[in-house]
Amino acid sequence: MVELMECSICCKPKKENLILLGKNICSECEERIVQSNAGDLSYSVFLEKIKDILRTAGSKEPSIW
């Protein structure tokens, strides 16, 4: 049985596809992200969702000290 995981972009239960810092991104959303242009409204939405993934993963800018 295939385990369904919630897509971090569309929030629908989907088969595991692309994992970004432990978060699932389904193949449909991955394709929409790749095909979006910087001027598209959807691009801004995708960008914010990806920023949320980075924030919740606790990512920080690397320290040089």
Protein backbone atom coordinates (compact mmCIF):
# COMPACT_ATOMS: atom_id res chain seq x y z
CA MET A 1 0.00 0.00 0.00
CA VAL A 2 1.32 3.45 -0.95
CA GLU A 3 1.50 5.91 1.91
CA LEU A 4 -0.10 9.27 1.16
CA MET A 5 1.53 12.42 2.46
CA GLU A 6 0.10 15.92 2.46
CA CYS A 7 1.60 18.10 -0.23
CA SER A 8 3.12 21.21 1.34
CA ILE A 9 1.97 23.33 -1.61
CA CYS A 10 -1.62 22.23 -2.39
CA CYS A 11 -2.29 20.57 1.02
CA LYS A 12 -3.89 17.52 -0.64
CA PRO A 13 -2.97 13.96 0.28
CA LYS A 14 -0.68 12.74 -2.48
CA LYS A 15 1.87 10.05 -3.11
CA GLU A 16 5.32 11.01 -1.92
CA ASN A 17 7.25 12.68 -4.71
CA LEU A 18 9.75 15.48 -4.17
CA ILE A 19 10.96 15.91 -0.61
CA LEU A 20 12.29 19.34 0.32
CA LEU A 21 13.74 19.46 3.84
CA GLY A 22 11.38 16.67 4.90
CA LYS A 23 8.29 18.21 3.29
CA ASN A 24 6.43 16.56 0.41
CA ILE A 25 5.75 18.37 -2.87
CA CYS A 26 3.50 16.39 -5.24
CA SER A 27 4.34 15.94 -8.91
CA GLU A 28 1.47 18.20 -10.00
CA CYS A 29 2.71 21.11 -7.88
CA GLU A 30 6.29 20.47 -8.90
CA GLU A 31 5.26 20.72 -12.56
CA ARG A 32 3.26 23.92 -11.91
CA ILE A 33 6.24 25.47 -10.11
CA VAL A 34 8.61 24.61 -12.96
CA GLN A 35 6.23 26.04 -15.58
CA SER A 36 5.42 29.26 -13.71
CA ASN A 37 6.94 32.59 -14.68
CA ALA A 38 8.11 35.27 -12.25
CA GLY A 39 5.30 37.57 -13.43
CA ASP A 40 2.55 35.02 -12.70
CA LEU A 41 0.37 35.39 -9.60
CA SER A 42 0.89 31.68 -8.95
CA TYR A 43 4.67 32.26 -8.83
CA SER A 44 4.24 34.50 -5.77
CA VAL A 45 2.09 31.86 -4.07
CA PHE A 46 4.64 29.12 -4.78
CA LEU A 47 7.45 31.34 -3.53
CA GLU A 48 5.64 31.98 -0.23
CA LYS A 49 4.88 28.28 0.25
CA ILE A 50 8.53 27.38 -0.34
CA LYS A 51 9.62 30.12 2.10
CA ASP A 52 7.26 28.56 4.67
CA ILE A 53 8.91 25.17 4.13
CA LEU A 54 12.32 26.74 4.69
CA ARG A 55 11.13 28.58 7.82
CA THR A 56 9.48 25.53 9.39
CA ALA A 57 12.56 23.43 8.72
CA GLY A 58 14.48 25.81 10.97
CA SER A 59 16.85 26.77 8.22
CA LYS A 60 19.08 29.68 9.03
CA GLU A 61 21.62 31.54 7.02
CA PRO A 62 25.03 30.02 7.57
CA SER A 63 27.15 31.83 10.08
CA ILE A 64 30.65 32.84 9.12
CA TRP A 65 31.70 33.30 12.76
